[in-house]
Amino acid sequence: MPLITVRTLEGLLTAQQKETMIERVTNAALSVEGEAYRPVTWVIVEEVPSGAWGIAGQALTTDAAKQLASGKAA
């Protein structure tokens, strides 16, 4: 019975992107564990406040992550 937590910065994903994340992560887990586990597979999308996520010793904000995703320098 998988319980999968996906953490992302608050405001980074739209509601549709969260739904897609849940669907695809579920499908990926079940490709390993088997389709029989679908009814008991949990995926939680947990949002971390902007600036409360650190990488390389620096706080990462939602705006900086969006810039990174767009290919622009943060």
N, C-alpha and C. Protein backbone atom coordinates (compact mmCIF):
# COMPACT_ATOMS: atom_id res chain seq x y z
N MET A 1 0.84 -1.18 0.00
CA MET A 1 0.00 0.00 0.00
C MET A 1 0.88 1.24 0.00
N PRO A 2 1.18 1.77 -1.17
CA PRO A 2 2.07 2.91 -1.23
C PRO A 2 1.44 4.21 -0.75
N LEU A 3 2.25 4.97 -0.04
CA LEU A 3 1.92 6.34 0.34
C LEU A 3 3.06 7.19 -0.18
N ILE A 4 2.78 8.04 -1.14
CA ILE A 4 3.81 8.83 -1.82
C ILE A 4 3.56 10.30 -1.54
N THR A 5 4.59 11.00 -1.07
CA THR A 5 4.49 12.43 -0.82
C THR A 5 5.34 13.17 -1.84
N VAL A 6 4.71 14.12 -2.53
CA VAL A 6 5.40 14.98 -3.48
C VAL A 6 5.42 16.36 -2.85
N ARG A 7 6.61 16.89 -2.65
CA ARG A 7 6.72 18.24 -2.08
C ARG A 7 7.08 19.22 -3.19
N THR A 8 6.42 20.35 -3.15
CA THR A 8 6.66 21.41 -4.13
C THR A 8 6.48 22.74 -3.44
N LEU A 9 7.03 23.77 -4.01
CA LEU A 9 6.85 25.09 -3.45
C LEU A 9 5.40 25.56 -3.61
N GLU A 10 4.91 26.23 -2.60
CA GLU A 10 3.55 26.76 -2.62
C GLU A 10 3.36 27.69 -3.81
N GLY A 11 2.29 27.45 -4.57
CA GLY A 11 1.96 28.30 -5.70
C GLY A 11 2.70 27.97 -6.98
N LEU A 12 3.55 26.93 -6.96
CA LEU A 12 4.32 26.59 -8.15
C LEU A 12 3.48 25.81 -9.16
N LEU A 13 2.61 24.93 -8.68
CA LEU A 13 1.77 24.11 -9.57
C LEU A 13 0.33 24.59 -9.54
N THR A 14 -0.31 24.54 -10.70
CA THR A 14 -1.74 24.82 -10.77
C THR A 14 -2.51 23.60 -10.27
N ALA A 15 -3.80 23.76 -10.06
CA ALA A 15 -4.63 22.63 -9.65
C ALA A 15 -4.57 21.52 -10.69
N GLN A 16 -4.58 21.87 -11.97
CA GLN A 16 -4.50 20.86 -13.03
C GLN A 16 -3.16 20.14 -13.00
N GLN A 17 -2.08 20.87 -12.76
CA GLN A 17 -0.76 20.24 -12.69
C GLN A 17 -0.67 19.29 -11.50
N LYS A 18 -1.29 19.64 -10.39
CA LYS A 18 -1.32 18.73 -9.23
C LYS A 18 -2.09 17.46 -9.58
N GLU A 19 -3.22 17.58 -10.25
CA GLU A 19 -3.98 16.40 -10.67
C GLU A 19 -3.16 15.51 -11.59
N THR A 20 -2.46 16.13 -12.53
CA THR A 20 -1.61 15.38 -13.44
C THR A 20 -0.47 14.70 -12.69
N MET A 21 0.13 15.40 -11.73
CA MET A 21 1.20 14.82 -10.90
C MET A 21 0.68 13.59 -10.16
N ILE A 22 -0.48 13.70 -9.55
CA ILE A 22 -1.05 12.59 -8.80
C ILE A 22 -1.30 11.40 -9.73
N GLU A 23 -1.88 11.64 -10.88
CA GLU A 23 -2.16 10.57 -11.84
C GLU A 23 -0.88 9.88 -12.30
N ARG A 24 0.10 10.66 -12.70
CA ARG A 24 1.34 10.09 -13.26
C ARG A 24 2.19 9.39 -12.21
N VAL A 25 2.26 9.96 -11.00
CA VAL A 25 3.01 9.32 -9.93
C VAL A 25 2.34 8.01 -9.54
N THR A 26 1.03 8.01 -9.47
CA THR A 26 0.30 6.78 -9.19
C THR A 26 0.61 5.72 -10.24
N ASN A 27 0.51 6.09 -11.50
CA ASN A 27 0.77 5.14 -12.58
C ASN A 27 2.20 4.61 -12.54
N ALA A 28 3.16 5.49 -12.21
CA ALA A 28 4.56 5.04 -12.13
C ALA A 28 4.74 4.02 -11.01
N ALA A 29 4.16 4.29 -9.84
CA ALA A 29 4.28 3.36 -8.73
C ALA A 29 3.63 2.02 -9.06
N LEU A 30 2.48 2.08 -9.70
CA LEU A 30 1.77 0.84 -10.01
C LEU A 30 2.44 0.05 -11.12
N SER A 31 3.24 0.71 -11.94
CA SER A 31 3.99 -0.03 -12.97
C SER A 31 5.02 -0.95 -12.32
N VAL A 32 5.39 -0.66 -11.09
CA VAL A 32 6.33 -1.50 -10.35
C VAL A 32 5.58 -2.45 -9.42
N GLU A 33 4.62 -1.92 -8.66
CA GLU A 33 3.96 -2.71 -7.63
C GLU A 33 2.78 -3.53 -8.13
N GLY A 34 2.21 -3.13 -9.23
CA GLY A 34 1.08 -3.88 -9.78
C GLY A 34 -0.23 -3.13 -9.64
N GLU A 35 -1.06 -3.29 -10.63
CA GLU A 35 -2.34 -2.58 -10.73
C GLU A 35 -3.28 -2.88 -9.56
N ALA A 36 -3.12 -4.03 -8.95
CA ALA A 36 -4.01 -4.41 -7.84
C ALA A 36 -3.93 -3.42 -6.67
N TYR A 37 -2.85 -2.66 -6.58
CA TYR A 37 -2.69 -1.69 -5.49
C TYR A 37 -3.35 -0.34 -5.76
N ARG A 38 -3.93 -0.14 -6.94
CA ARG A 38 -4.52 1.17 -7.26
C ARG A 38 -5.50 1.67 -6.20
N PRO A 39 -6.41 0.82 -5.71
CA PRO A 39 -7.38 1.34 -4.72
C PRO A 39 -6.76 1.78 -3.39
N VAL A 40 -5.53 1.39 -3.13
CA VAL A 40 -4.91 1.73 -1.85
C VAL A 40 -3.60 2.52 -2.05
N THR A 41 -3.47 3.17 -3.19
CA THR A 41 -2.29 4.00 -3.46
C THR A 41 -2.64 5.45 -3.17
N TRP A 42 -1.88 6.04 -2.26
CA TRP A 42 -2.11 7.42 -1.84
C TRP A 42 -0.99 8.30 -2.36
N VAL A 43 -1.35 9.46 -2.90
CA VAL A 43 -0.37 10.46 -3.30
C VAL A 43 -0.79 11.78 -2.64
N ILE A 44 0.15 12.37 -1.92
CA ILE A 44 -0.10 13.64 -1.25
C ILE A 44 0.80 14.69 -1.89
N VAL A 45 0.22 15.78 -2.35
CA VAL A 45 0.99 16.91 -2.84
C VAL A 45 1.06 17.92 -1.70
N GLU A 46 2.25 18.07 -1.16
CA GLU A 46 2.46 18.94 -0.01
C GLU A 46 3.18 20.20 -0.47
N GLU A 47 2.60 21.34 -0.17
CA GLU A 47 3.20 22.60 -0.58
C GLU A 47 4.02 23.20 0.56
N VAL A 48 5.26 23.54 0.25
CA VAL A 48 6.18 24.15 1.19
C VAL A 48 6.14 25.66 0.95
N PRO A 49 6.05 26.46 2.01
CA PRO A 49 6.01 27.91 1.81
C PRO A 49 7.22 28.43 1.03
N SER A 50 6.99 29.43 0.20
CA SER A 50 8.06 30.06 -0.56
C SER A 50 9.15 30.53 0.37
N GLY A 51 10.40 30.20 0.04
CA GLY A 51 11.53 30.60 0.86
C GLY A 51 11.88 29.62 1.96
N ALA A 52 11.03 28.63 2.21
CA ALA A 52 11.28 27.63 3.25
C ALA A 52 11.92 26.37 2.68
N TRP A 53 12.33 26.43 1.45
CA TRP A 53 12.96 25.32 0.75
C TRP A 53 14.35 25.78 0.38
N GLY A 54 15.36 25.03 0.73
CA GLY A 54 16.72 25.46 0.44
C GLY A 54 17.43 24.53 -0.52
N ILE A 55 18.27 25.09 -1.36
CA ILE A 55 19.09 24.32 -2.28
C ILE A 55 20.45 25.00 -2.37
N ALA A 56 21.50 24.21 -2.28
CA ALA A 56 22.87 24.72 -2.35
C ALA A 56 23.12 25.82 -1.32
N GLY A 57 22.49 25.68 -0.15
CA GLY A 57 22.70 26.65 0.92
C GLY A 57 21.91 27.93 0.79
N GLN A 58 21.02 28.01 -0.19
CA GLN A 58 20.23 29.22 -0.41
C GLN A 58 18.74 28.90 -0.37
N ALA A 59 17.95 29.83 0.17
CA ALA A 59 16.50 29.67 0.16
C ALA A 59 15.99 29.81 -1.27
N LEU A 60 15.05 28.96 -1.63
CA LEU A 60 14.45 29.00 -2.97
C LEU A 60 13.03 29.52 -2.84
N THR A 61 12.71 30.56 -3.59
CA THR A 61 11.36 31.11 -3.58
C THR A 61 10.56 30.56 -4.76
N THR A 62 9.26 30.71 -4.68
CA THR A 62 8.40 30.28 -5.77
C THR A 62 8.73 31.04 -7.05
N ASP A 63 8.95 32.34 -6.93
CA ASP A 63 9.29 33.14 -8.11
C ASP A 63 10.59 32.66 -8.76
N ALA A 64 11.60 32.37 -7.94
CA ALA A 64 12.87 31.90 -8.48
C ALA A 64 12.70 30.54 -9.16
N ALA A 65 11.87 29.66 -8.59
CA ALA A 65 11.63 28.35 -9.18
C ALA A 65 10.90 28.49 -10.52
N LYS A 66 9.97 29.43 -10.60
CA LYS A 66 9.26 29.67 -11.86
C LYS A 66 10.22 30.18 -12.92
N GLN A 67 11.14 31.06 -12.54
CA GLN A 67 12.15 31.55 -13.47
C GLN A 67 13.04 30.41 -13.95
N LEU A 68 13.42 29.54 -13.03
CA LEU A 68 14.24 28.38 -13.38
C LEU A 68 13.51 27.48 -14.38
N ALA A 69 12.23 27.24 -14.13
CA ALA A 69 11.43 26.39 -15.01
C ALA A 69 11.26 26.99 -16.41
N SER A 70 11.28 28.32 -16.47
CA SER A 70 11.11 28.98 -17.77
C SER A 70 12.41 29.06 -18.56
N GLY A 71 13.52 28.65 -17.91
CA GLY A 71 14.81 28.68 -18.57
C GLY A 71 15.56 29.98 -18.36
N LYS A 72 15.00 30.88 -17.55
CA LYS A 72 15.66 32.15 -17.26
C LYS A 72 16.49 32.01 -16.00
N ALA A 73 17.54 32.77 -15.90
CA ALA A 73 18.38 32.76 -14.71
C ALA A 73 17.61 33.33 -13.53
N ALA A 74 17.77 32.72 -12.36
CA ALA A 74 17.07 33.19 -11.17
C ALA A 74 17.80 34.34 -10.50
